[in-house]
Amino acid sequence: MALSEATSQRSRTPSGSVDVEQAQAALVEHYPRLVRLAYLVLPTSLARHRRVLTAHSLVQRALPRGREAIEAGPLPAQRGAGGPYAGPSAG
């Protein structure tokens, strides 16, 4: 049996949840290294703090979403400066 055949047979599961769990576990295990790598490839024109936040964001976006996140739907949009918690109005 060739290596590609063994790999394709191993990745074929009825539910696919085992593969997702394995991928997520690998990403979580290597999270610090992935963040450092993302930090290094980001442009140096960004401020250090922005690069750190963006690196974490990129790695977190790479994590597969579970069924619960998909069923819950997308996150609501961020409130603008004129939202209900923007403070007392001048009027």
PDB file of N, CA and C in Angstrom:
ATOM      1  N   MET A   1       0.857  -1.169   0.000  1.00  0.00           N
ATOM      2  CA  MET A   1       0.000   0.000   0.000  1.00  0.00           C
ATOM      3  C   MET A   1       0.905   1.235   0.000  1.00  0.00           C
ATOM      4  N   ALA A   2       0.643   2.148  -0.909  1.00  0.00           N
ATOM      5  CA  ALA A   2       1.456   3.360  -1.008  1.00  0.00           C
ATOM      6  C   ALA A   2       1.108   4.324   0.115  1.00  0.00           C
ATOM      7  N   LEU A   3       2.029   5.252   0.364  1.00  0.00           N
ATOM      8  CA  LEU A   3       1.833   6.229   1.440  1.00  0.00           C
ATOM      9  C   LEU A   3       0.613   7.102   1.179  1.00  0.00           C
ATOM     10  N   SER A   4       0.414   7.514  -0.077  1.00  0.00           N
ATOM     11  CA  SER A   4      -0.737   8.371  -0.384  1.00  0.00           C
ATOM     12  C   SER A   4      -2.051   7.630  -0.179  1.00  0.00           C
ATOM     13  N   GLU A   5      -2.072   6.324  -0.475  1.00  0.00           N
ATOM     14  CA  GLU A   5      -3.283   5.539  -0.249  1.00  0.00           C
ATOM     15  C   GLU A   5      -3.585   5.416   1.238  1.00  0.00           C
ATOM     16  N   ALA A   6      -2.558   5.178   2.033  1.00  0.00           N
ATOM     17  CA  ALA A   6      -2.751   5.052   3.481  1.00  0.00           C
ATOM     18  C   ALA A   6      -3.226   6.368   4.072  1.00  0.00           C
ATOM     19  N   THR A   7      -2.673   7.468   3.599  1.00  0.00           N
ATOM     20  CA  THR A   7      -3.077   8.779   4.105  1.00  0.00           C
ATOM     21  C   THR A   7      -4.512   9.084   3.732  1.00  0.00           C
ATOM     22  N   SER A   8      -4.892   8.785   2.491  1.00  0.00           N
ATOM     23  CA  SER A   8      -6.258   9.087   2.074  1.00  0.00           C
ATOM     24  C   SER A   8      -7.262   8.188   2.789  1.00  0.00           C
ATOM     25  N   GLN A   9      -6.891   6.922   3.060  1.00  0.00           N
ATOM     26  CA  GLN A   9      -7.798   6.039   3.782  1.00  0.00           C
ATOM     27  C   GLN A   9      -7.933   6.461   5.234  1.00  0.00           C
ATOM     28  N   ARG A  10      -6.838   6.932   5.836  1.00  0.00           N
ATOM     29  CA  ARG A  10      -6.876   7.359   7.222  1.00  0.00           C
ATOM     30  C   ARG A  10      -7.738   8.619   7.378  1.00  0.00           C
ATOM     31  N   SER A  11      -7.717   9.504   6.375  1.00  0.00           N
ATOM     32  CA  SER A  11      -8.467  10.751   6.498  1.00  0.00           C
ATOM     33  C   SER A  11      -9.941  10.573   6.171  1.00  0.00           C
ATOM     34  N   ARG A  12     -10.312   9.442   5.625  1.00  0.00           N
ATOM     35  CA  ARG A  12     -11.722   9.193   5.310  1.00  0.00           C
ATOM     36  C   ARG A  12     -12.415   8.576   6.516  1.00  0.00           C
ATOM     37  N   THR A  13     -13.177   9.375   7.196  1.00  0.00           N
ATOM     38  CA  THR A  13     -13.969   8.865   8.310  1.00  0.00           C
ATOM     39  C   THR A  13     -15.421   9.188   8.022  1.00  0.00           C
ATOM     40  N   PRO A  14     -16.349   8.397   8.543  1.00  0.00           N
ATOM     41  CA  PRO A  14     -17.758   8.638   8.261  1.00  0.00           C
ATOM     42  C   PRO A  14     -18.219  10.037   8.666  1.00  0.00           C
ATOM     43  N   SER A  15     -17.816  10.488   9.825  1.00  0.00           N
ATOM     44  CA  SER A  15     -18.303  11.789  10.288  1.00  0.00           C
ATOM     45  C   SER A  15     -17.324  12.909  10.006  1.00  0.00           C
ATOM     46  N   GLY A  16     -16.057  12.615   9.872  1.00  0.00           N
ATOM     47  CA  GLY A  16     -15.050  13.638   9.659  1.00  0.00           C
ATOM     48  C   GLY A  16     -14.653  14.360  10.930  1.00  0.00           C
ATOM     49  N   SER A  17     -15.333  14.063  12.041  1.00  0.00           N
ATOM     50  CA  SER A  17     -15.055  14.783  13.282  1.00  0.00           C
ATOM     51  C   SER A  17     -13.708  14.397  13.878  1.00  0.00           C
ATOM     52  N   VAL A  18     -13.264  13.169  13.656  1.00  0.00           N
ATOM     53  CA  VAL A  18     -11.972  12.746  14.195  1.00  0.00           C
ATOM     54  C   VAL A  18     -10.857  13.549  13.538  1.00  0.00           C
ATOM     55  N   ASP A  19     -10.937  13.748  12.234  1.00  0.00           N
ATOM     56  CA  ASP A  19      -9.920  14.513  11.527  1.00  0.00           C
ATOM     57  C   ASP A  19      -9.898  15.957  12.000  1.00  0.00           C
ATOM     58  N   VAL A  20     -11.063  16.542  12.210  1.00  0.00           N
ATOM     59  CA  VAL A  20     -11.145  17.920  12.681  1.00  0.00           C
ATOM     60  C   VAL A  20     -10.548  18.029  14.072  1.00  0.00           C
ATOM     61  N   GLU A  21     -10.850  17.066  14.927  1.00  0.00           N
ATOM     62  CA  GLU A  21     -10.306  17.079  16.287  1.00  0.00           C
ATOM     63  C   GLU A  21      -8.792  16.927  16.276  1.00  0.00           C
ATOM     64  N   GLN A  22      -8.270  16.075  15.397  1.00  0.00           N
ATOM     65  CA  GLN A  22      -6.819  15.902  15.305  1.00  0.00           C
ATOM     66  C   GLN A  22      -6.153  17.170  14.789  1.00  0.00           C
ATOM     67  N   ALA A  23      -6.757  17.798  13.796  1.00  0.00           N
ATOM     68  CA  ALA A  23      -6.197  19.036  13.256  1.00  0.00           C
ATOM     69  C   ALA A  23      -6.214  20.134  14.308  1.00  0.00           C
ATOM     70  N   GLN A  24      -7.319  20.234  15.025  1.00  0.00           N
ATOM     71  CA  GLN A  24      -7.421  21.256  16.063  1.00  0.00           C
ATOM     72  C   GLN A  24      -6.402  20.997  17.173  1.00  0.00           C
ATOM     73  N   ALA A  25      -6.230  19.752  17.565  1.00  0.00           N
ATOM     74  CA  ALA A  25      -5.259  19.424  18.612  1.00  0.00           C
ATOM     75  C   ALA A  25      -3.843  19.776  18.168  1.00  0.00           C
ATOM     76  N   ALA A  26      -3.526  19.521  16.906  1.00  0.00           N
ATOM     77  CA  ALA A  26      -2.193  19.863  16.397  1.00  0.00           C
ATOM     78  C   ALA A  26      -1.978  21.370  16.392  1.00  0.00           C
ATOM     79  N   LEU A  27      -2.992  22.124  15.981  1.00  0.00           N
ATOM     80  CA  LEU A  27      -2.865  23.586  15.968  1.00  0.00           C
ATOM     81  C   LEU A  27      -2.730  24.149  17.371  1.00  0.00           C
ATOM     82  N   VAL A  28      -3.509  23.617  18.298  1.00  0.00           N
ATOM     83  CA  VAL A  28      -3.444  24.107  19.676  1.00  0.00           C
ATOM     84  C   VAL A  28      -2.088  23.759  20.291  1.00  0.00           C
ATOM     85  N   GLU A  29      -1.584  22.585  19.981  1.00  0.00           N
ATOM     86  CA  GLU A  29      -0.292  22.168  20.524  1.00  0.00           C
ATOM     87  C   GLU A  29       0.834  23.081  20.045  1.00  0.00           C
ATOM     88  N   HIS A  30       0.752  23.507  18.804  1.00  0.00           N
ATOM     89  CA  HIS A  30       1.812  24.333  18.216  1.00  0.00           C
ATOM     90  C   HIS A  30       1.445  25.816  18.178  1.00  0.00           C
ATOM     91  N   TYR A  31       0.441  26.218  18.930  1.00  0.00           N
ATOM     92  CA  TYR A  31      -0.051  27.595  18.901  1.00  0.00           C
ATOM     93  C   TYR A  31       1.057  28.633  19.121  1.00  0.00           C
ATOM     94  N   PRO A  32       1.889  28.507  20.166  1.00  0.00           N
ATOM     95  CA  PRO A  32       2.927  29.538  20.375  1.00  0.00           C
ATOM     96  C   PRO A  32       3.887  29.675  19.189  1.00  0.00           C
ATOM     97  N   ARG A  33       4.271  28.536  18.610  1.00  0.00           N
ATOM     98  CA  ARG A  33       5.184  28.585  17.459  1.00  0.00           C
ATOM     99  C   ARG A  33       4.508  29.204  16.244  1.00  0.00           C
ATOM    100  N   LEU A  34       3.233  28.882  16.046  1.00  0.00           N
ATOM    101  CA  LEU A  34       2.510  29.446  14.911  1.00  0.00           C
ATOM    102  C   LEU A  34       2.349  30.955  15.051  1.00  0.00           C
ATOM    103  N   VAL A  35       2.103  31.420  16.277  1.00  0.00           N
ATOM    104  CA  VAL A  35       1.975  32.864  16.502  1.00  0.00           C
ATOM    105  C   VAL A  35       3.306  33.550  16.217  1.00  0.00           C
ATOM    106  N   ARG A  36       4.401  32.960  16.676  1.00  0.00           N
ATOM    107  CA  ARG A  36       5.721  33.553  16.410  1.00  0.00           C
ATOM    108  C   ARG A  36       6.010  33.612  14.914  1.00  0.00           C
ATOM    109  N   LEU A  37       5.656  32.555  14.210  1.00  0.00           N
ATOM    110  CA  LEU A  37       5.865  32.531  12.766  1.00  0.00           C
ATOM    111  C   LEU A  37       5.018  33.600  12.075  1.00  0.00           C
ATOM    112  N   ALA A  38       3.755  33.701  12.469  1.00  0.00           N
ATOM    113  CA  ALA A  38       2.880  34.722  11.889  1.00  0.00           C
ATOM    114  C   ALA A  38       3.419  36.115  12.180  1.00  0.00           C
ATOM    115  N   TYR A  39       3.927  36.330  13.386  1.00  0.00           N
ATOM    116  CA  TYR A  39       4.500  37.624  13.767  1.00  0.00           C
ATOM    117  C   TYR A  39       5.676  37.975  12.857  1.00  0.00           C
ATOM    118  N   LEU A  40       6.507  36.986  12.550  1.00  0.00           N
ATOM    119  CA  LEU A  40       7.695  37.238  11.737  1.00  0.00           C
ATOM    120  C   LEU A  40       7.371  37.562  10.285  1.00  0.00           C
ATOM    121  N   VAL A  41       6.287  37.010   9.762  1.00  0.00           N
ATOM    122  CA  VAL A  41       5.974  37.254   8.353  1.00  0.00           C
ATOM    123  C   VAL A  41       5.111  38.495   8.147  1.00  0.00           C
ATOM    124  N   LEU A  42       4.597  39.070   9.220  1.00  0.00           N
ATOM    125  CA  LEU A  42       3.816  40.303   9.081  1.00  0.00           C
ATOM    126  C   LEU A  42       4.745  41.468   8.754  1.00  0.00           C
ATOM    127  N   PRO A  43       4.219  42.481   8.058  1.00  0.00           N
ATOM    128  CA  PRO A  43       5.079  43.618   7.691  1.00  0.00           C
ATOM    129  C   PRO A  43       5.590  44.368   8.914  1.00  0.00           C
ATOM    130  N   THR A  44       6.839  44.783   8.845  1.00  0.00           N
ATOM    131  CA  THR A  44       7.449  45.513   9.959  1.00  0.00           C
ATOM    132  C   THR A  44       6.915  46.934  10.071  1.00  0.00           C
ATOM    133  N   SER A  45       6.158  47.380   9.080  1.00  0.00           N
ATOM    134  CA  SER A  45       5.586  48.727   9.150  1.00  0.00           C
ATOM    135  C   SER A  45       4.492  48.817  10.213  1.00  0.00           C
ATOM    136  N   LEU A  46       3.932  47.675  10.608  1.00  0.00           N
ATOM    137  CA  LEU A  46       2.935  47.666  11.679  1.00  0.00           C
ATOM    138  C   LEU A  46       3.628  47.845  13.021  1.00  0.00           C
ATOM    139  N   ALA A  47       2.954  48.494  13.944  1.00  0.00           N
ATOM    140  CA  ALA A  47       3.492  48.633  15.297  1.00  0.00           C
ATOM    141  C   ALA A  47       3.593  47.249  15.945  1.00  0.00           C
ATOM    142  N   ARG A  48       4.469  47.107  16.921  1.00  0.00           N
ATOM    143  CA  ARG A  48       4.707  45.812  17.569  1.00  0.00           C
ATOM    144  C   ARG A  48       3.419  45.234  18.148  1.00  0.00           C
ATOM    145  N   HIS A  49       2.661  46.053  18.861  1.00  0.00           N
ATOM    146  CA  HIS A  49       1.419  45.588  19.480  1.00  0.00           C
ATOM    147  C   HIS A  49       0.431  45.115  18.417  1.00  0.00           C
ATOM    148  N   ARG A  50       0.309  45.857  17.316  1.00  0.00           N
ATOM    149  CA  ARG A  50      -0.611  45.478  16.238  1.00  0.00           C
ATOM    150  C   ARG A  50      -0.157  44.177  15.595  1.00  0.00           C
ATOM    151  N   ARG A  51       1.147  43.991  15.442  1.00  0.00           N
ATOM    152  CA  ARG A  51       1.655  42.739  14.868  1.00  0.00           C
ATOM    153  C   ARG A  51       1.343  41.557  15.776  1.00  0.00           C
ATOM    154  N   VAL A  52       1.479  41.733  17.084  1.00  0.00           N
ATOM    155  CA  VAL A  52       1.177  40.654  18.034  1.00  0.00           C
ATOM    156  C   VAL A  52      -0.299  40.283  17.948  1.00  0.00           C
ATOM    157  N   LEU A  53      -1.166  41.288  17.968  1.00  0.00           N
ATOM    158  CA  LEU A  53      -2.605  41.018  17.902  1.00  0.00           C
ATOM    159  C   LEU A  53      -2.991  40.362  16.580  1.00  0.00           C
ATOM    160  N   THR A  54      -2.409  40.840  15.489  1.00  0.00           N
ATOM    161  CA  THR A  54      -2.717  40.272  14.178  1.00  0.00           C
ATOM    162  C   THR A  54      -2.208  38.837  14.076  1.00  0.00           C
ATOM    163  N   ALA A  55      -1.047  38.560  14.636  1.00  0.00           N
ATOM    164  CA  ALA A  55      -0.508  37.196  14.612  1.00  0.00           C
ATOM    165  C   ALA A  55      -1.436  36.239  15.359  1.00  0.00           C
ATOM    166  N   HIS A  56      -1.897  36.644  16.533  1.00  0.00           N
ATOM    167  CA  HIS A  56      -2.844  35.804  17.282  1.00  0.00           C
ATOM    168  C   HIS A  56      -4.137  35.618  16.488  1.00  0.00           C
ATOM    169  N   SER A  57      -4.611  36.684  15.878  1.00  0.00           N
ATOM    170  CA  SER A  57      -5.846  36.610  15.101  1.00  0.00           C
ATOM    171  C   SER A  57      -5.710  35.625  13.943  1.00  0.00           C
ATOM    172  N   LEU A  58      -4.596  35.678  13.244  1.00  0.00           N
ATOM    173  CA  LEU A  58      -4.385  34.772  12.114  1.00  0.00           C
ATOM    174  C   LEU A  58      -4.366  33.310  12.552  1.00  0.00           C
ATOM    175  N   VAL A  59      -3.693  33.021  13.642  1.00  0.00           N
ATOM    176  CA  VAL A  59      -3.616  31.634  14.116  1.00  0.00           C
ATOM    177  C   VAL A  59      -4.983  31.167  14.605  1.00  0.00           C
ATOM    178  N   GLN A  60      -5.712  32.029  15.296  1.00  0.00           N
ATOM    179  CA  GLN A  60      -7.035  31.648  15.786  1.00  0.00           C
ATOM    180  C   GLN A  60      -8.001  31.416  14.638  1.00  0.00           C
ATOM    181  N   ARG A  61      -7.861  32.189  13.557  1.00  0.00           N
ATOM    182  CA  ARG A  61      -8.724  31.973  12.394  1.00  0.00           C
ATOM    183  C   ARG A  61      -8.417  30.652  11.710  1.00  0.00           C
ATOM    184  N   ALA A  62      -7.212  30.138  11.897  1.00  0.00           N
ATOM    185  CA  ALA A  62      -6.841  28.856  11.298  1.00  0.00           C
ATOM    186  C   ALA A  62      -7.458  27.675  12.041  1.00  0.00           C
ATOM    187  N   LEU A  63      -7.862  27.885  13.290  1.00  0.00           N
ATOM    188  CA  LEU A  63      -8.481  26.809  14.057  1.00  0.00           C
ATOM    189  C   LEU A  63      -9.827  26.450  13.446  1.00  0.00           C
ATOM    190  N   PRO A  64     -10.114  25.161  13.281  1.00  0.00           N
ATOM    191  CA  PRO A  64     -11.415  24.779  12.732  1.00  0.00           C
ATOM    192  C   PRO A  64     -12.531  25.104  13.709  1.00  0.00           C
ATOM    193  N   ARG A  65     -13.647  25.505  13.156  1.00  0.00           N
ATOM    194  CA  ARG A  65     -14.807  25.820  13.997  1.00  0.00           C
ATOM    195  C   ARG A  65     -15.564  24.542  14.299  1.00  0.00           C
ATOM    196  N   GLY A  66     -16.050  24.441  15.520  1.00  0.00           N
ATOM    197  CA  GLY A  66     -16.850  23.284  15.906  1.00  0.00           C
ATOM    198  C   GLY A  66     -18.280  23.432  15.424  1.00  0.00           C
ATOM    199  N   ARG A  67     -19.060  22.405  15.611  1.00  0.00           N
ATOM    200  CA  ARG A  67     -20.467  22.454  15.204  1.00  0.00           C
ATOM    201  C   ARG A  67     -21.232  23.528  15.951  1.00  0.00           C
ATOM    202  N   GLU A  68     -20.901  23.725  17.219  1.00  0.00           N
ATOM    203  CA  GLU A  68     -21.621  24.707  18.031  1.00  0.00           C
ATOM    204  C   GLU A  68     -21.466  26.105  17.467  1.00  0.00           C
ATOM    205  N   ALA A  69     -20.265  26.451  17.001  1.00  0.00           N
ATOM    206  CA  ALA A  69     -20.034  27.784  16.450  1.00  0.00           C
ATOM    207  C   ALA A  69     -20.794  27.964  15.144  1.00  0.00           C
ATOM    208  N   ILE A  70     -20.881  26.899  14.350  1.00  0.00           N
ATOM    209  CA  ILE A  70     -21.599  26.991  13.084  1.00  0.00           C
ATOM    210  C   ILE A  70     -23.097  27.123  13.338  1.00  0.00           C
ATOM    211  N   GLU A  71     -23.629  26.350  14.287  1.00  0.00           N
ATOM    212  CA  GLU A  71     -25.053  26.402  14.586  1.00  0.00           C
ATOM    213  C   GLU A  71     -25.454  27.731  15.207  1.00  0.00           C
ATOM    214  N   ALA A  72     -24.544  28.346  15.963  1.00  0.00           N
ATOM    215  CA  ALA A  72     -24.858  29.614  16.615  1.00  0.00           C
ATOM    216  C   ALA A  72     -24.935  30.753  15.612  1.00  0.00           C
ATOM    217  N   GLY A  73     -24.311  30.614  14.459  1.00  0.00           N
ATOM    218  CA  GLY A  73     -24.330  31.661  13.455  1.00  0.00           C
ATOM    219  C   GLY A  73     -23.173  32.622  13.632  1.00  0.00           C
ATOM    220  N   PRO A  74     -23.101  33.599  12.743  1.00  0.00           N
ATOM    221  CA  PRO A  74     -21.989  34.542  12.809  1.00  0.00           C
ATOM    222  C   PRO A  74     -22.115  35.491  13.993  1.00  0.00           C
ATOM    223  N   LEU A  75     -20.990  36.085  14.359  1.00  0.00           N
ATOM    224  CA  LEU A  75     -20.988  37.065  15.443  1.00  0.00           C
ATOM    225  C   LEU A  75     -21.666  38.347  14.975  1.00  0.00           C
ATOM    226  N   PRO A  76     -22.310  39.077  15.884  1.00  0.00           N
ATOM    227  CA  PRO A  76     -22.913  40.348  15.484  1.00  0.00           C
ATOM    228  C   PRO A  76     -21.834  41.359  15.120  1.00  0.00           C
ATOM    229  N   ALA A  77     -22.208  42.347  14.319  1.00  0.00           N
ATOM    230  CA  ALA A  77     -21.260  43.374  13.895  1.00  0.00           C
ATOM    231  C   ALA A  77     -20.828  44.227  15.078  1.00  0.00           C
ATOM    232  N   GLN A  78     -19.616  44.777  14.984  1.00  0.00           N
ATOM    233  CA  GLN A  78     -19.101  45.635  16.040  1.00  0.00           C
ATOM    234  C   GLN A  78     -19.878  46.942  16.044  1.00  0.00           C
ATOM    235  N   ARG A  79     -20.124  47.449  17.245  1.00  0.00           N
ATOM    236  CA  ARG A  79     -20.850  48.704  17.359  1.00  0.00           C
ATOM    237  C   ARG A  79     -19.953  49.852  16.948  1.00  0.00           C
ATOM    238  N   GLY A  80     -20.555  50.853  16.318  1.00  0.00           N
ATOM    239  CA  GLY A  80     -19.805  52.032  15.910  1.00  0.00           C
ATOM    240  C   GLY A  80     -19.638  53.005  17.055  1.00  0.00           C
ATOM    241  N   ALA A  81     -19.007  54.142  16.776  1.00  0.00           N
ATOM    242  CA  ALA A  81     -18.763  55.157  17.802  1.00  0.00           C
ATOM    243  C   ALA A  81     -20.066  55.763  18.303  1.00  0.00           C
ATOM    244  N   GLY A  82     -21.111  55.719  17.512  1.00  0.00           N
ATOM    245  CA  GLY A  82     -22.382  56.309  17.919  1.00  0.00           C
ATOM    246  C   GLY A  82     -23.344  55.309  18.522  1.00  0.00           C
ATOM    247  N   GLY A  83     -22.846  54.171  18.988  1.00  0.00           N
ATOM    248  CA  GLY A  83     -23.697  53.130  19.553  1.00  0.00           C
ATOM    249  C   GLY A  83     -24.289  53.534  20.884  1.00  0.00           C
ATOM    250  N   PRO A  84     -25.126  52.680  21.460  1.00  0.00           N
ATOM    251  CA  PRO A  84     -25.812  53.024  22.707  1.00  0.00           C
ATOM    252  C   PRO A  84     -24.873  53.173  23.903  1.00  0.00           C
ATOM    253  N   TYR A  85     -23.643  52.655  23.810  1.00  0.00           N
ATOM    254  CA  TYR A  85     -22.716  52.743  24.934  1.00  0.00           C
ATOM    255  C   TYR A  85     -21.598  53.754  24.674  1.00  0.00           C
ATOM    256  N   ALA A  86     -21.840  54.684  23.778  1.00  0.00           N
ATOM    257  CA  ALA A  86     -20.804  55.648  23.411  1.00  0.00           C
ATOM    258  C   ALA A  86     -20.661  56.751  24.444  1.00  0.00           C
ATOM    259  N   GLY A  87     -21.542  56.802  25.399  1.00  0.00           N
ATOM    260  CA  GLY A  87     -21.454  57.832  26.435  1.00  0.00           C
ATOM    261  C   GLY A  87     -22.599  58.822  26.306  1.00  0.00           C
ATOM    262  N   PRO A  88     -22.656  59.805  27.202  1.00  0.00           N
ATOM    263  CA  PRO A  88     -23.749  60.773  27.149  1.00  0.00           C
ATOM    264  C   PRO A  88     -23.663  61.625  25.891  1.00  0.00           C
ATOM    265  N   SER A  89     -24.810  61.924  25.354  1.00  0.00           N
ATOM    266  CA  SER A  89     -24.836  62.737  24.140  1.00  0.00           C
ATOM    267  C   SER A  89     -24.736  64.212  24.493  1.00  0.00           C
ATOM    268  N   ALA A  90     -24.268  64.993  23.541  1.00  0.00           N
ATOM    269  CA  ALA A  90     -24.071  66.427  23.771  1.00  0.00           C
ATOM    270  C   ALA A  90     -25.374  67.183  23.623  1.00  0.00           C
ATOM    271  N   GLY A  91     -26.421  66.533  23.165  1.00  0.00           N
ATOM    272  CA  GLY A  91     -27.662  67.228  22.845  1.00  0.00           C
ATOM    273  C   GLY A  91     -28.597  67.213  23.923  1.00  0.00           C
TER     274      GLY A  91
END
